[in-house]
Structure formats: C-alpha cells, structure tokens
Amino acid sequence: MKNNRKGFTLAELLIVVAIIAVLVAVAIPVFTSQLEKSREATDAANIRSAYAVIQSAALIQDDATTIAKNNNSTTTFTTSGNEGSFVYQAVVKMKQTQNDWQSGAQDIGGIAVAATGTVLGNGTCTVKYEQSTNKTTLTWGSGSTGG
C-alpha cells in the first residue's frame, strides 16, 4: 500500500517562519525611519505655513483678531504691540519624536535650519516676526536661528 501524505513537513514550516521573521526584522527599522521622515515633512510644512501666515499678516499690518482665525490644533497665532511695531508670533506643535532633522538641513522661508542642534522631538517651533526690526526668527527650545 502506498502512503499518500499531503502537506508540509515540520522542517519546511520552520524554515518558512524563520525567513519571514528575518524579513520582518529587517523591515521594521526601515518603516520606522520612513515614519519619522514623514513626521518631519509634516512639521516642515506646518512651519512654512505658519511663516506664510505671519508674513502676510505683517504685510497688511493685520490685527490680533484676524490672525487668530488661523489658529488650529497644530498652530497658535498671536499678535502684540502697536501699529508700526507689531510682533506676530506662531507656535507650531512638532510631531516628530526624535531630536534634530533626520532628513537633513531645512530651508524655511529663506532661513537655513541646521540638521542638528535645533529641533527637539515632541517640542514646538516658534515663528516670530518683529515689525520694528523687520526680522523673522525660528526658535526651538534653546536652539534658535534667524534671518
């Protein structure tokens, strides 16, 4: 009589499981890295958006009530001072979890932001324009760069 066994042996199944485990172990760091880069891209876009709102408000000498309409869950806008010496400010909540830009240096509104020593994970970025000095600054925690 002939034995007709269908299916896989235990050794074959263990080899397939081991191969899948190796592939997953290699893929997880890659996916984590890409997720952090996407958070950084979101942060850079939010900062650029806040910069644009601040600059447009400064051009038309917007007041606090109008600029505050741009407030959302990520960015808070404020205005202080008097006509001719307004100070426009936006505080952007950062989504990235690691310190510094993992994807390299950034250029935000003509302000070069170094890849290291600036961004704090889960921190904030403050975009500030002072009308009296005609200067915009970006600040993260204790790191700052201006232009």
C-alpha atoms as a PDB file:
ATOM      1  CA  MET A   1       0.000   0.000   0.000  1.00  0.00           C
ATOM      2  CA  LYS A   2       1.110   3.464  -0.841  1.00  0.00           C
ATOM      3  CA  ASN A   3       1.094   6.192   1.820  1.00  0.00           C
ATOM      4  CA  ASN A   4      -0.260   9.391   0.319  1.00  0.00           C
ATOM      5  CA  ARG A   5       0.744  12.182   2.702  1.00  0.00           C
ATOM      6  CA  LYS A   6      -0.219  15.681   1.762  1.00  0.00           C
ATOM      7  CA  GLY A   7       1.156  18.847   3.418  1.00  0.00           C
ATOM      8  CA  PHE A   8       4.461  20.234   4.606  1.00  0.00           C
ATOM      9  CA  THR A   9       6.992  18.753   6.987  1.00  0.00           C
ATOM     10  CA  LEU A  10       7.821  20.475  10.270  1.00  0.00           C
ATOM     11  CA  ALA A  11      11.273  21.416   8.965  1.00  0.00           C
ATOM     12  CA  GLU A  12       9.808  23.129   5.903  1.00  0.00           C
ATOM     13  CA  LEU A  13       7.370  25.127   8.029  1.00  0.00           C
ATOM     14  CA  LEU A  14      10.138  26.199  10.448  1.00  0.00           C
ATOM     15  CA  ILE A  15      12.301  27.405   7.558  1.00  0.00           C
ATOM     16  CA  VAL A  16       9.443  29.497   6.126  1.00  0.00           C
ATOM     17  CA  VAL A  17       8.706  31.012   9.550  1.00  0.00           C
ATOM     18  CA  ALA A  18      12.404  31.818  10.054  1.00  0.00           C
ATOM     19  CA  ILE A  19      12.610  33.541   6.651  1.00  0.00           C
ATOM     20  CA  ILE A  20       9.516  35.626   7.412  1.00  0.00           C
ATOM     21  CA  ALA A  21      10.945  36.585  10.821  1.00  0.00           C
ATOM     22  CA  VAL A  22      14.200  37.790   9.225  1.00  0.00           C
ATOM     23  CA  LEU A  23      12.284  39.856   6.649  1.00  0.00           C
ATOM     24  CA  VAL A  24      10.155  41.471   9.372  1.00  0.00           C
ATOM     25  CA  ALA A  25      13.246  42.207  11.491  1.00  0.00           C
ATOM     26  CA  VAL A  26      14.823  43.995   8.536  1.00  0.00           C
ATOM     27  CA  ALA A  27      11.642  45.851   7.519  1.00  0.00           C
ATOM     28  CA  ILE A  28      10.651  47.331  10.908  1.00  0.00           C
ATOM     29  CA  PRO A  29      13.603  49.779  11.213  1.00  0.00           C
ATOM     30  CA  VAL A  30      13.068  50.900   7.610  1.00  0.00           C
ATOM     31  CA  PHE A  31       9.372  51.574   8.228  1.00  0.00           C
ATOM     32  CA  THR A  32      10.144  53.395  11.492  1.00  0.00           C
ATOM     33  CA  SER A  33      12.674  55.594   9.732  1.00  0.00           C
ATOM     34  CA  GLN A  34      10.210  56.446   6.968  1.00  0.00           C
ATOM     35  CA  LEU A  35       7.510  57.237   9.529  1.00  0.00           C
ATOM     36  CA  GLU A  36       9.852  59.710  11.280  1.00  0.00           C
ATOM     37  CA  LYS A  37      10.719  61.336   7.944  1.00  0.00           C
ATOM     38  CA  SER A  38       7.014  61.770   7.197  1.00  0.00           C
ATOM     39  CA  ARG A  39       6.545  63.436  10.603  1.00  0.00           C
ATOM     40  CA  GLU A  40       9.435  65.777   9.772  1.00  0.00           C
ATOM     41  CA  ALA A  41       7.885  66.631   6.413  1.00  0.00           C
ATOM     42  CA  THR A  42       4.620  67.453   8.187  1.00  0.00           C
ATOM     43  CA  ASP A  43       6.457  69.641  10.698  1.00  0.00           C
ATOM     44  CA  ALA A  44       8.337  71.494   7.949  1.00  0.00           C
ATOM     45  CA  ALA A  45       5.088  72.083   6.046  1.00  0.00           C
ATOM     46  CA  ASN A  46       3.331  73.361   9.188  1.00  0.00           C
ATOM     47  CA  ILE A  47       6.235  75.723   9.948  1.00  0.00           C
ATOM     48  CA  ARG A  48       6.273  77.010   6.365  1.00  0.00           C
ATOM     49  CA  SER A  49       2.516  77.565   6.546  1.00  0.00           C
ATOM     50  CA  ALA A  50       2.851  79.481   9.823  1.00  0.00           C
ATOM     51  CA  TYR A  51       5.689  81.511   8.306  1.00  0.00           C
ATOM     52  CA  ALA A  52       3.467  82.418   5.330  1.00  0.00           C
ATOM     53  CA  VAL A  53       0.589  83.493   7.594  1.00  0.00           C
ATOM     54  CA  ILE A  54       2.941  85.603   9.721  1.00  0.00           C
ATOM     55  CA  GLN A  55       4.499  87.277   6.680  1.00  0.00           C
ATOM     56  CA  SER A  56       1.145  88.024   5.041  1.00  0.00           C
ATOM     57  CA  ALA A  57      -0.220  89.414   8.319  1.00  0.00           C
ATOM     58  CA  ALA A  58       2.841  91.655   8.629  1.00  0.00           C
ATOM     59  CA  LEU A  59       2.442  92.911   5.055  1.00  0.00           C
ATOM     60  CA  ILE A  60      -1.118  94.065   5.628  1.00  0.00           C
ATOM     61  CA  GLN A  61      -0.496  95.006   9.289  1.00  0.00           C
ATOM     62  CA  ASP A  62      -3.141  92.572  10.424  1.00  0.00           C
ATOM     63  CA  ASP A  63      -4.542  92.798  13.928  1.00  0.00           C
ATOM     64  CA  ALA A  64      -4.858  90.096  16.558  1.00  0.00           C
ATOM     65  CA  THR A  65      -8.477  89.184  15.817  1.00  0.00           C
ATOM     66  CA  THR A  66      -7.900  88.429  12.140  1.00  0.00           C
ATOM     67  CA  ILE A  67      -4.688  86.458  12.554  1.00  0.00           C
ATOM     68  CA  ALA A  68      -6.209  84.433  15.407  1.00  0.00           C
ATOM     69  CA  LYS A  69      -8.749  82.997  12.944  1.00  0.00           C
ATOM     70  CA  ASN A  70      -5.893  80.839  11.601  1.00  0.00           C
ATOM     71  CA  ASN A  71      -5.466  79.040  14.961  1.00  0.00           C
ATOM     72  CA  ASN A  72      -5.832  75.254  14.772  1.00  0.00           C
ATOM     73  CA  SER A  73      -4.845  72.145  16.722  1.00  0.00           C
ATOM     74  CA  THR A  74      -1.240  72.387  15.471  1.00  0.00           C
ATOM     75  CA  THR A  75      -0.533  76.132  15.393  1.00  0.00           C
ATOM     76  CA  THR A  76      -1.436  79.065  17.641  1.00  0.00           C
ATOM     77  CA  PHE A  77      -1.084  82.619  16.273  1.00  0.00           C
ATOM     78  CA  THR A  78      -0.808  85.787  18.365  1.00  0.00           C
ATOM     79  CA  THR A  79      -0.135  89.474  17.724  1.00  0.00           C
ATOM     80  CA  SER A  80       1.106  92.100  20.147  1.00  0.00           C
ATOM     81  CA  GLY A  81       2.306  95.694  20.016  1.00  0.00           C
ATOM     82  CA  ASN A  82       1.038  98.807  18.263  1.00  0.00           C
ATOM     83  CA  GLU A  83       0.872  99.883  14.637  1.00  0.00           C
ATOM     84  CA  GLY A  84       4.414 100.227  13.317  1.00  0.00           C
ATOM     85  CA  SER A  85       5.831  97.908  15.976  1.00  0.00           C
ATOM     86  CA  PHE A  86       3.635  94.812  15.785  1.00  0.00           C
ATOM     87  CA  VAL A  87       5.081  91.456  16.821  1.00  0.00           C
ATOM     88  CA  TYR A  88       3.499  88.477  15.051  1.00  0.00           C
ATOM     89  CA  GLN A  89       4.077  85.042  16.527  1.00  0.00           C
ATOM     90  CA  ALA A  90       3.067  81.478  15.713  1.00  0.00           C
ATOM     91  CA  VAL A  91       3.759  78.449  17.902  1.00  0.00           C
ATOM     92  CA  VAL A  92       3.750  75.169  15.981  1.00  0.00           C
ATOM     93  CA  LYS A  93       3.478  71.854  17.837  1.00  0.00           C
ATOM     94  CA  MET A  94       6.038  69.450  16.373  1.00  0.00           C
ATOM     95  CA  LYS A  95       5.010  65.887  15.535  1.00  0.00           C
ATOM     96  CA  GLN A  96       8.453  64.337  15.162  1.00  0.00           C
ATOM     97  CA  THR A  97       9.640  62.213  18.058  1.00  0.00           C
ATOM     98  CA  GLN A  98      13.409  62.361  17.549  1.00  0.00           C
ATOM     99  CA  ASN A  99      15.658  65.356  18.107  1.00  0.00           C
ATOM    100  CA  ASP A 100      17.116  67.112  15.046  1.00  0.00           C
ATOM    101  CA  TRP A 101      16.175  66.725  11.377  1.00  0.00           C
ATOM    102  CA  GLN A 102      16.796  63.109  10.368  1.00  0.00           C
ATOM    103  CA  SER A 103      16.365  64.037   6.695  1.00  0.00           C
ATOM    104  CA  GLY A 104      18.999  66.799   6.698  1.00  0.00           C
ATOM    105  CA  ALA A 105      19.016  70.584   6.960  1.00  0.00           C
ATOM    106  CA  GLN A 106      15.866  72.517   6.084  1.00  0.00           C
ATOM    107  CA  ASP A 107      15.271  75.907   4.459  1.00  0.00           C
ATOM    108  CA  ILE A 108      12.151  77.576   5.820  1.00  0.00           C
ATOM    109  CA  GLY A 109      11.233  80.946   4.400  1.00  0.00           C
ATOM    110  CA  GLY A 110      14.838  81.652   3.430  1.00  0.00           C
ATOM    111  CA  ILE A 111      16.053  80.782   6.921  1.00  0.00           C
ATOM    112  CA  ALA A 112      18.540  77.914   6.881  1.00  0.00           C
ATOM    113  CA  VAL A 113      17.857  75.472   9.708  1.00  0.00           C
ATOM    114  CA  ALA A 114      20.755  73.190  10.644  1.00  0.00           C
ATOM    115  CA  ALA A 115      20.225  69.444  10.614  1.00  0.00           C
ATOM    116  CA  THR A 116      21.452  69.105  14.207  1.00  0.00           C
ATOM    117  CA  GLY A 117      21.236  71.139  17.367  1.00  0.00           C
ATOM    118  CA  THR A 118      17.874  72.773  16.714  1.00  0.00           C
ATOM    119  CA  VAL A 119      14.754  70.634  16.718  1.00  0.00           C
ATOM    120  CA  LEU A 120      13.545  68.921  19.874  1.00  0.00           C
ATOM    121  CA  GLY A 121      11.325  65.856  19.440  1.00  0.00           C
ATOM    122  CA  ASN A 122       7.729  66.462  20.524  1.00  0.00           C
ATOM    123  CA  GLY A 123       8.638  70.112  21.078  1.00  0.00           C
ATOM    124  CA  THR A 124       7.472  73.335  19.494  1.00  0.00           C
ATOM    125  CA  CYS A 125       8.733  75.797  16.912  1.00  0.00           C
ATOM    126  CA  THR A 126       8.058  79.485  17.361  1.00  0.00           C
ATOM    127  CA  VAL A 127       7.934  81.673  14.250  1.00  0.00           C
ATOM    128  CA  LYS A 128       8.247  85.319  15.250  1.00  0.00           C
ATOM    129  CA  TYR A 129       8.282  88.476  13.124  1.00  0.00           C
ATOM    130  CA  GLU A 130       9.122  91.835  14.698  1.00  0.00           C
ATOM    131  CA  GLN A 131       7.979  94.757  12.592  1.00  0.00           C
ATOM    132  CA  SER A 132      10.319  97.254  14.264  1.00  0.00           C
ATOM    133  CA  THR A 133      13.435  95.269  13.267  1.00  0.00           C
ATOM    134  CA  ASN A 134      11.937  93.637  10.151  1.00  0.00           C
ATOM    135  CA  LYS A 135      13.351  90.313  11.333  1.00  0.00           C
ATOM    136  CA  THR A 136      11.867  86.804  11.413  1.00  0.00           C
ATOM    137  CA  THR A 137      13.211  84.176  13.798  1.00  0.00           C
ATOM    138  CA  LEU A 138      12.561  80.472  14.248  1.00  0.00           C
ATOM    139  CA  THR A 139      13.118  79.086  17.739  1.00  0.00           C
ATOM    140  CA  TRP A 140      13.121  75.530  19.150  1.00  0.00           C
ATOM    141  CA  GLY A 141      13.590  75.201  22.873  1.00  0.00           C
ATOM    142  CA  SER A 142      17.068  76.589  23.492  1.00  0.00           C
ATOM    143  CA  GLY A 143      18.126  76.473  19.797  1.00  0.00           C
ATOM    144  CA  SER A 144      17.424  79.439  17.541  1.00  0.00           C
ATOM    145  CA  THR A 145      18.179  80.609  14.044  1.00  0.00           C
ATOM    146  CA  GLY A 146      17.197  83.875  12.436  1.00  0.00           C
ATOM    147  CA  GLY A 147      17.100  85.528   9.041  1.00  0.00           C
END
